[in-house]
Amino acid sequence: MRRLLFVVLALSFALFLGACEEEKPAEPAEPTEPVEPTVVYEMAELAATPVVFKELTGDYALFGDAVEAGFTALKDAGVECAGDPFGVFFDDPALVPPEELRSEVCFPVAADTKPPKGYDYKVTEPCKAVMTSFMGEFSEENMPDYMAMYKYVADEGLMIAGPMIEVYHWGAEDPAEYVTDIYVPVMESPAPEAETTEAPATETTETPADETAVEPPA
């Protein structure tokens, strides 16, 4: 009987301890710093591409409107796109006023396509470029780090060979899944010219000719 009572008391005590452990408040988790996404740069080859394009002057923040207007113009003219649209940006917004910024909105098309009214046709020049991809919709809180890309170009010993190009793969319904490929055309830096040291010129001293006195004839 005593043994049974001891077992019951021990079991009750164990249950009591278990209940206390369950009621013990969990310790708050230590805050973790957000992990910055890794930016990957790589070399790419941009092929010559037939495009319908339009030259623009104005704030780059309004470039999306130009893309939409271009899609509408091509659709109304019965012109089919042969690829995703892209923009060419000639000026640095930090140096040029917004109303003076130059750009081109381009739509890949079949060769020799007749452009709609207000647009032109050309074939882009092929080039080598440093390329990276940017995820999501552009906003004040979510923008590519253009300065980091230019720094990478300089650190690799390359020279910028043309204006920045952005290709918009924005077919997803969710803007968070938009992908923008960003290209900076580059070329190899010229090799420094070897310094040549010229040998110092040696001074030559002329030996004066013997002077012979000539007596006048008598």
C-alpha atoms as a PDB file:
ATOM      1  CA  MET A   1       0.000   0.000   0.000  1.00  0.00           C
ATOM      2  CA  ARG A   2       2.824   2.386   0.906  1.00  0.00           C
ATOM      3  CA  ARG A   3       4.569   1.522  -2.300  1.00  0.00           C
ATOM      4  CA  LEU A   4       1.452   2.289  -4.311  1.00  0.00           C
ATOM      5  CA  LEU A   5       1.031   5.622  -2.515  1.00  0.00           C
ATOM      6  CA  PHE A   6       4.654   6.524  -3.219  1.00  0.00           C
ATOM      7  CA  VAL A   7       4.194   5.776  -6.922  1.00  0.00           C
ATOM      8  CA  VAL A   8       1.060   7.945  -7.092  1.00  0.00           C
ATOM      9  CA  LEU A   9       2.812  10.857  -5.350  1.00  0.00           C
ATOM     10  CA  ALA A  10       5.848  10.581  -7.623  1.00  0.00           C
ATOM     11  CA  LEU A  11       3.643  10.558 -10.708  1.00  0.00           C
ATOM     12  CA  SER A  12       1.685  13.583  -9.509  1.00  0.00           C
ATOM     13  CA  PHE A  13       4.900  15.490  -8.849  1.00  0.00           C
ATOM     14  CA  ALA A  14       6.203  14.657 -12.338  1.00  0.00           C
ATOM     15  CA  LEU A  15       2.976  15.902 -13.927  1.00  0.00           C
ATOM     16  CA  PHE A  16       3.217  19.093 -11.869  1.00  0.00           C
ATOM     17  CA  LEU A  17       6.773  19.734 -13.108  1.00  0.00           C
ATOM     18  CA  GLY A  18       5.680  19.091 -16.685  1.00  0.00           C
ATOM     19  CA  ALA A  19       2.881  21.620 -16.383  1.00  0.00           C
ATOM     20  CA  CYS A  20       5.330  24.187 -15.030  1.00  0.00           C
ATOM     21  CA  GLU A  21       7.638  23.612 -17.962  1.00  0.00           C
ATOM     22  CA  GLU A  22       4.754  24.148 -20.407  1.00  0.00           C
ATOM     23  CA  GLU A  23       3.732  27.395 -18.726  1.00  0.00           C
ATOM     24  CA  LYS A  24       7.304  28.747 -18.833  1.00  0.00           C
ATOM     25  CA  PRO A  25       7.314  31.628 -21.353  1.00  0.00           C
ATOM     26  CA  ALA A  26       9.495  31.153 -24.424  1.00  0.00           C
ATOM     27  CA  GLU A  27      12.570  33.329 -24.647  1.00  0.00           C
ATOM     28  CA  PRO A  28      12.349  35.962 -27.378  1.00  0.00           C
ATOM     29  CA  ALA A  29      14.358  35.119 -30.490  1.00  0.00           C
ATOM     30  CA  GLU A  30      17.374  37.268 -31.170  1.00  0.00           C
ATOM     31  CA  PRO A  31      16.814  39.686 -34.073  1.00  0.00           C
ATOM     32  CA  THR A  32      18.628  38.727 -37.257  1.00  0.00           C
ATOM     33  CA  GLU A  33      19.916  41.192 -39.788  1.00  0.00           C
ATOM     34  CA  PRO A  34      18.350  40.944 -43.267  1.00  0.00           C
ATOM     35  CA  VAL A  35      20.530  39.154 -45.795  1.00  0.00           C
ATOM     36  CA  GLU A  36      21.372  41.281 -48.815  1.00  0.00           C
ATOM     37  CA  PRO A  37      20.772  39.473 -52.125  1.00  0.00           C
ATOM     38  CA  THR A  38      23.929  38.518 -53.967  1.00  0.00           C
ATOM     39  CA  VAL A  39      24.441  40.481 -57.174  1.00  0.00           C
ATOM     40  CA  VAL A  40      26.070  38.482 -59.963  1.00  0.00           C
ATOM     41  CA  TYR A  41      27.815  40.142 -62.913  1.00  0.00           C
ATOM     42  CA  GLU A  42      28.802  38.300 -66.069  1.00  0.00           C
ATOM     43  CA  MET A  43      30.024  39.020 -69.577  1.00  0.00           C
ATOM     44  CA  ALA A  44      27.452  38.807 -72.371  1.00  0.00           C
ATOM     45  CA  GLU A  45      27.286  39.241 -76.136  1.00  0.00           C
ATOM     46  CA  LEU A  46      24.500  41.439 -77.516  1.00  0.00           C
ATOM     47  CA  ALA A  47      23.639  40.523 -81.085  1.00  0.00           C
ATOM     48  CA  ALA A  48      22.599  42.957 -83.820  1.00  0.00           C
ATOM     49  CA  THR A  49      18.814  43.274 -83.516  1.00  0.00           C
ATOM     50  CA  PRO A  50      16.211  44.809 -85.873  1.00  0.00           C
ATOM     51  CA  VAL A  51      14.042  47.166 -83.821  1.00  0.00           C
ATOM     52  CA  VAL A  52      11.274  49.691 -84.103  1.00  0.00           C
ATOM     53  CA  PHE A  53      12.308  52.544 -81.821  1.00  0.00           C
ATOM     54  CA  LYS A  54      11.506  56.063 -80.722  1.00  0.00           C
ATOM     55  CA  GLU A  55      13.855  58.721 -79.404  1.00  0.00           C
ATOM     56  CA  LEU A  56      12.734  60.287 -76.137  1.00  0.00           C
ATOM     57  CA  THR A  57      13.666  63.292 -74.041  1.00  0.00           C
ATOM     58  CA  GLY A  58      12.411  63.554 -70.487  1.00  0.00           C
ATOM     59  CA  ASP A  59      12.342  62.060 -67.023  1.00  0.00           C
ATOM     60  CA  TYR A  60      13.431  58.412 -66.923  1.00  0.00           C
ATOM     61  CA  ALA A  61      10.755  57.816 -64.272  1.00  0.00           C
ATOM     62  CA  LEU A  62       8.156  58.120 -67.067  1.00  0.00           C
ATOM     63  CA  PHE A  63       9.829  55.540 -69.317  1.00  0.00           C
ATOM     64  CA  GLY A  64       7.185  52.921 -68.507  1.00  0.00           C
ATOM     65  CA  ASP A  65       4.561  55.109 -70.174  1.00  0.00           C
ATOM     66  CA  ALA A  66       6.642  55.113 -73.363  1.00  0.00           C
ATOM     67  CA  VAL A  67       6.754  51.306 -73.333  1.00  0.00           C
ATOM     68  CA  GLU A  68       2.972  51.085 -73.007  1.00  0.00           C
ATOM     69  CA  ALA A  69       2.469  53.668 -75.761  1.00  0.00           C
ATOM     70  CA  GLY A  70       4.827  51.728 -78.029  1.00  0.00           C
ATOM     71  CA  PHE A  71       2.947  48.463 -77.506  1.00  0.00           C
ATOM     72  CA  THR A  72      -0.281  50.241 -78.433  1.00  0.00           C
ATOM     73  CA  ALA A  73       1.236  51.817 -81.567  1.00  0.00           C
ATOM     74  CA  LEU A  74       2.653  48.501 -82.785  1.00  0.00           C
ATOM     75  CA  LYS A  75      -0.606  46.672 -82.119  1.00  0.00           C
ATOM     76  CA  ASP A  76      -2.628  49.287 -84.007  1.00  0.00           C
ATOM     77  CA  ALA A  77      -0.195  49.015 -86.946  1.00  0.00           C
ATOM     78  CA  GLY A  78      -0.340  45.224 -86.952  1.00  0.00           C
ATOM     79  CA  VAL A  79       3.360  44.883 -86.091  1.00  0.00           C
ATOM     80  CA  GLU A  80       4.354  41.881 -83.990  1.00  0.00           C
ATOM     81  CA  CYS A  81       7.198  42.068 -81.485  1.00  0.00           C
ATOM     82  CA  ALA A  82       9.972  39.506 -81.886  1.00  0.00           C
ATOM     83  CA  GLY A  83      11.187  39.851 -78.305  1.00  0.00           C
ATOM     84  CA  ASP A  84      10.846  41.785 -75.080  1.00  0.00           C
ATOM     85  CA  PRO A  85      11.147  45.592 -75.218  1.00  0.00           C
ATOM     86  CA  PHE A  86      14.248  47.376 -74.014  1.00  0.00           C
ATOM     87  CA  GLY A  87      15.424  50.865 -73.213  1.00  0.00           C
ATOM     88  CA  VAL A  88      18.666  52.648 -74.060  1.00  0.00           C
ATOM     89  CA  PHE A  89      19.699  55.384 -71.620  1.00  0.00           C
ATOM     90  CA  PHE A  90      22.273  57.945 -72.726  1.00  0.00           C
ATOM     91  CA  ASP A  91      22.552  60.302 -69.745  1.00  0.00           C
ATOM     92  CA  ASP A  92      23.347  60.194 -66.028  1.00  0.00           C
ATOM     93  CA  PRO A  93      20.344  61.480 -64.019  1.00  0.00           C
ATOM     94  CA  ALA A  94      22.776  62.759 -61.388  1.00  0.00           C
ATOM     95  CA  LEU A  95      24.338  65.127 -63.936  1.00  0.00           C
ATOM     96  CA  VAL A  96      21.520  65.980 -66.371  1.00  0.00           C
ATOM     97  CA  PRO A  97      18.181  67.644 -65.504  1.00  0.00           C
ATOM     98  CA  PRO A  98      15.189  65.263 -65.744  1.00  0.00           C
ATOM     99  CA  GLU A  99      13.602  67.170 -68.626  1.00  0.00           C
ATOM    100  CA  GLU A 100      16.799  66.833 -70.703  1.00  0.00           C
ATOM    101  CA  LEU A 101      17.494  63.115 -70.226  1.00  0.00           C
ATOM    102  CA  ARG A 102      17.827  61.251 -73.525  1.00  0.00           C
ATOM    103  CA  SER A 103      16.701  57.662 -74.125  1.00  0.00           C
ATOM    104  CA  GLU A 104      15.284  55.284 -76.715  1.00  0.00           C
ATOM    105  CA  VAL A 105      12.430  52.815 -76.326  1.00  0.00           C
ATOM    106  CA  CYS A 106      13.020  49.790 -78.586  1.00  0.00           C
ATOM    107  CA  PHE A 107      10.880  46.853 -79.721  1.00  0.00           C
ATOM    108  CA  PRO A 108      12.565  43.883 -81.466  1.00  0.00           C
ATOM    109  CA  VAL A 109      10.809  43.112 -84.767  1.00  0.00           C
ATOM    110  CA  ALA A 110      11.330  41.160 -87.977  1.00  0.00           C
ATOM    111  CA  ALA A 111      13.921  42.502 -90.397  1.00  0.00           C
ATOM    112  CA  ASP A 112      12.820  45.401 -92.621  1.00  0.00           C
ATOM    113  CA  THR A 113       9.619  46.023 -90.669  1.00  0.00           C
ATOM    114  CA  LYS A 114       7.795  49.213 -91.602  1.00  0.00           C
ATOM    115  CA  PRO A 115       7.559  51.271 -88.401  1.00  0.00           C
ATOM    116  CA  PRO A 116       4.322  52.887 -87.214  1.00  0.00           C
ATOM    117  CA  LYS A 117       3.909  56.643 -87.515  1.00  0.00           C
ATOM    118  CA  GLY A 118       6.141  58.457 -85.029  1.00  0.00           C
ATOM    119  CA  TYR A 119       8.646  55.580 -84.820  1.00  0.00           C
ATOM    120  CA  ASP A 120      11.771  54.607 -86.771  1.00  0.00           C
ATOM    121  CA  TYR A 121      13.489  51.365 -87.770  1.00  0.00           C
ATOM    122  CA  LYS A 122      17.130  50.353 -87.363  1.00  0.00           C
ATOM    123  CA  VAL A 123      19.407  47.418 -86.606  1.00  0.00           C
ATOM    124  CA  THR A 124      21.328  47.776 -83.355  1.00  0.00           C
ATOM    125  CA  GLU A 125      25.093  47.328 -83.215  1.00  0.00           C
ATOM    126  CA  PRO A 126      26.426  44.105 -81.637  1.00  0.00           C
ATOM    127  CA  CYS A 127      28.585  44.582 -78.567  1.00  0.00           C
ATOM    128  CA  LYS A 128      30.119  42.995 -75.517  1.00  0.00           C
ATOM    129  CA  ALA A 129      28.598  43.990 -72.188  1.00  0.00           C
ATOM    130  CA  VAL A 130      28.675  43.382 -68.462  1.00  0.00           C
ATOM    131  CA  MET A 131      25.252  42.076 -67.492  1.00  0.00           C
ATOM    132  CA  THR A 132      23.235  41.542 -64.312  1.00  0.00           C
ATOM    133  CA  SER A 133      19.570  40.756 -63.580  1.00  0.00           C
ATOM    134  CA  PHE A 134      17.246  42.703 -61.306  1.00  0.00           C
ATOM    135  CA  MET A 135      14.152  41.167 -59.722  1.00  0.00           C
ATOM    136  CA  GLY A 136      10.895  42.987 -59.034  1.00  0.00           C
ATOM    137  CA  GLU A 137       9.126  46.192 -59.959  1.00  0.00           C
ATOM    138  CA  PHE A 138      11.069  49.449 -59.946  1.00  0.00           C
ATOM    139  CA  SER A 139      10.204  51.713 -57.015  1.00  0.00           C
ATOM    140  CA  GLU A 140      11.894  54.176 -54.670  1.00  0.00           C
ATOM    141  CA  GLU A 141      12.515  51.308 -52.233  1.00  0.00           C
ATOM    142  CA  ASN A 142      13.543  48.776 -54.880  1.00  0.00           C
ATOM    143  CA  MET A 143      16.030  49.997 -57.476  1.00  0.00           C
ATOM    144  CA  PRO A 144      19.116  48.493 -59.134  1.00  0.00           C
ATOM    145  CA  ASP A 145      22.464  49.638 -57.774  1.00  0.00           C
ATOM    146  CA  TYR A 146      23.806  51.244 -60.939  1.00  0.00           C
ATOM    147  CA  MET A 147      26.856  52.719 -59.209  1.00  0.00           C
ATOM    148  CA  ALA A 148      27.928  49.264 -58.006  1.00  0.00           C
ATOM    149  CA  MET A 149      27.717  48.011 -61.579  1.00  0.00           C
ATOM    150  CA  TYR A 150      29.889  50.825 -62.918  1.00  0.00           C
ATOM    151  CA  LYS A 151      32.362  50.199 -60.088  1.00  0.00           C
ATOM    152  CA  TYR A 152      32.553  46.525 -61.098  1.00  0.00           C
ATOM    153  CA  VAL A 153      33.322  47.558 -64.683  1.00  0.00           C
ATOM    154  CA  ALA A 154      36.150  49.806 -63.490  1.00  0.00           C
ATOM    155  CA  ASP A 155      37.504  47.186 -61.069  1.00  0.00           C
ATOM    156  CA  GLU A 156      37.689  44.676 -63.931  1.00  0.00           C
ATOM    157  CA  GLY A 157      39.867  47.068 -65.917  1.00  0.00           C
ATOM    158  CA  LEU A 158      37.186  47.596 -68.573  1.00  0.00           C
ATOM    159  CA  MET A 159      36.031  50.773 -70.305  1.00  0.00           C
ATOM    160  CA  ILE A 160      32.421  51.784 -70.901  1.00  0.00           C
ATOM    161  CA  ALA A 161      31.728  51.578 -74.635  1.00  0.00           C
ATOM    162  CA  GLY A 162      28.127  52.751 -74.904  1.00  0.00           C
ATOM    163  CA  PRO A 163      24.912  53.727 -73.095  1.00  0.00           C
ATOM    164  CA  MET A 164      23.230  51.460 -70.567  1.00  0.00           C
ATOM    165  CA  ILE A 165      20.592  49.034 -71.867  1.00  0.00           C
ATOM    166  CA  GLU A 166      17.695  47.514 -69.906  1.00  0.00           C
ATOM    167  CA  VAL A 167      15.667  44.581 -71.256  1.00  0.00           C
ATOM    168  CA  TYR A 168      12.256  44.152 -69.616  1.00  0.00           C
ATOM    169  CA  HIS A 169      10.992  40.595 -69.099  1.00  0.00           C
ATOM    170  CA  TRP A 170       7.748  41.736 -67.493  1.00  0.00           C
ATOM    171  CA  GLY A 171       5.276  39.109 -68.648  1.00  0.00           C
ATOM    172  CA  ALA A 172       4.455  37.811 -65.150  1.00  0.00           C
ATOM    173  CA  GLU A 173       1.163  38.814 -63.520  1.00  0.00           C
ATOM    174  CA  ASP A 174       2.894  39.510 -60.206  1.00  0.00           C
ATOM    175  CA  PRO A 175       5.204  42.570 -60.453  1.00  0.00           C
ATOM    176  CA  ALA A 176       7.426  40.969 -57.788  1.00  0.00           C
ATOM    177  CA  GLU A 177       8.377  38.389 -60.449  1.00  0.00           C
ATOM    178  CA  TYR A 178       9.416  40.946 -63.078  1.00  0.00           C
ATOM    179  CA  VAL A 179      12.995  40.444 -64.334  1.00  0.00           C
ATOM    180  CA  THR A 180      15.078  43.231 -65.852  1.00  0.00           C
ATOM    181  CA  ASP A 181      18.382  42.400 -67.539  1.00  0.00           C
ATOM    182  CA  ILE A 182      20.784  45.347 -67.297  1.00  0.00           C
ATOM    183  CA  TYR A 183      23.718  45.696 -69.707  1.00  0.00           C
ATOM    184  CA  VAL A 184      26.686  48.070 -69.755  1.00  0.00           C
ATOM    185  CA  PRO A 185      28.568  47.856 -73.086  1.00  0.00           C
ATOM    186  CA  VAL A 186      32.311  47.568 -72.467  1.00  0.00           C
ATOM    187  CA  MET A 187      35.633  47.164 -74.188  1.00  0.00           C
ATOM    188  CA  GLU A 188      39.101  46.222 -73.067  1.00  0.00           C
ATOM    189  CA  SER A 189      41.237  49.042 -71.743  1.00  0.00           C
ATOM    190  CA  PRO A 190      44.140  49.816 -74.081  1.00  0.00           C
ATOM    191  CA  ALA A 191      47.476  48.474 -72.913  1.00  0.00           C
ATOM    192  CA  PRO A 192      49.749  51.198 -71.544  1.00  0.00           C
ATOM    193  CA  GLU A 193      52.436  52.246 -73.981  1.00  0.00           C
ATOM    194  CA  ALA A 194      55.906  51.053 -73.070  1.00  0.00           C
ATOM    195  CA  GLU A 195      58.160  53.856 -72.003  1.00  0.00           C
ATOM    196  CA  THR A 196      61.153  54.226 -74.279  1.00  0.00           C
ATOM    197  CA  THR A 197      64.265  55.967 -73.037  1.00  0.00           C
ATOM    198  CA  GLU A 198      66.298  57.675 -75.691  1.00  0.00           C
ATOM    199  CA  ALA A 199      70.056  57.450 -75.414  1.00  0.00           C
ATOM    200  CA  PRO A 200      71.563  60.852 -74.700  1.00  0.00           C
ATOM    201  CA  ALA A 201      73.002  62.464 -77.786  1.00  0.00           C
ATOM    202  CA  THR A 202      76.798  62.490 -77.843  1.00  0.00           C
ATOM    203  CA  GLU A 203      78.411  65.817 -78.547  1.00  0.00           C
ATOM    204  CA  THR A 204      80.810  65.796 -81.425  1.00  0.00           C
ATOM    205  CA  THR A 205      83.588  68.307 -81.524  1.00  0.00           C
ATOM    206  CA  GLU A 206      84.829  69.352 -84.922  1.00  0.00           C
ATOM    207  CA  THR A 207      88.557  69.568 -85.353  1.00  0.00           C
ATOM    208  CA  PRO A 208      89.355  72.893 -86.943  1.00  0.00           C
ATOM    209  CA  ALA A 209      91.171  72.647 -90.248  1.00  0.00           C
ATOM    210  CA  ASP A 210      94.779  73.770 -90.368  1.00  0.00           C
ATOM    211  CA  GLU A 211      94.883  77.352 -91.340  1.00  0.00           C
ATOM    212  CA  THR A 212      97.661  78.046 -93.848  1.00  0.00           C
ATOM    213  CA  ALA A 213      98.655  81.620 -94.327  1.00  0.00           C
ATOM    214  CA  VAL A 214      98.489  82.547 -97.953  1.00  0.00           C
ATOM    215  CA  GLU A 215     100.785  85.382 -98.908  1.00  0.00           C
ATOM    216  CA  PRO A 216      99.461  87.706-101.516  1.00  0.00           C
ATOM    217  CA  PRO A 217     101.214  87.426-104.855  1.00  0.00           C
ATOM    218  CA  ALA A 218     104.062  89.853-105.351  1.00  0.00           C
END
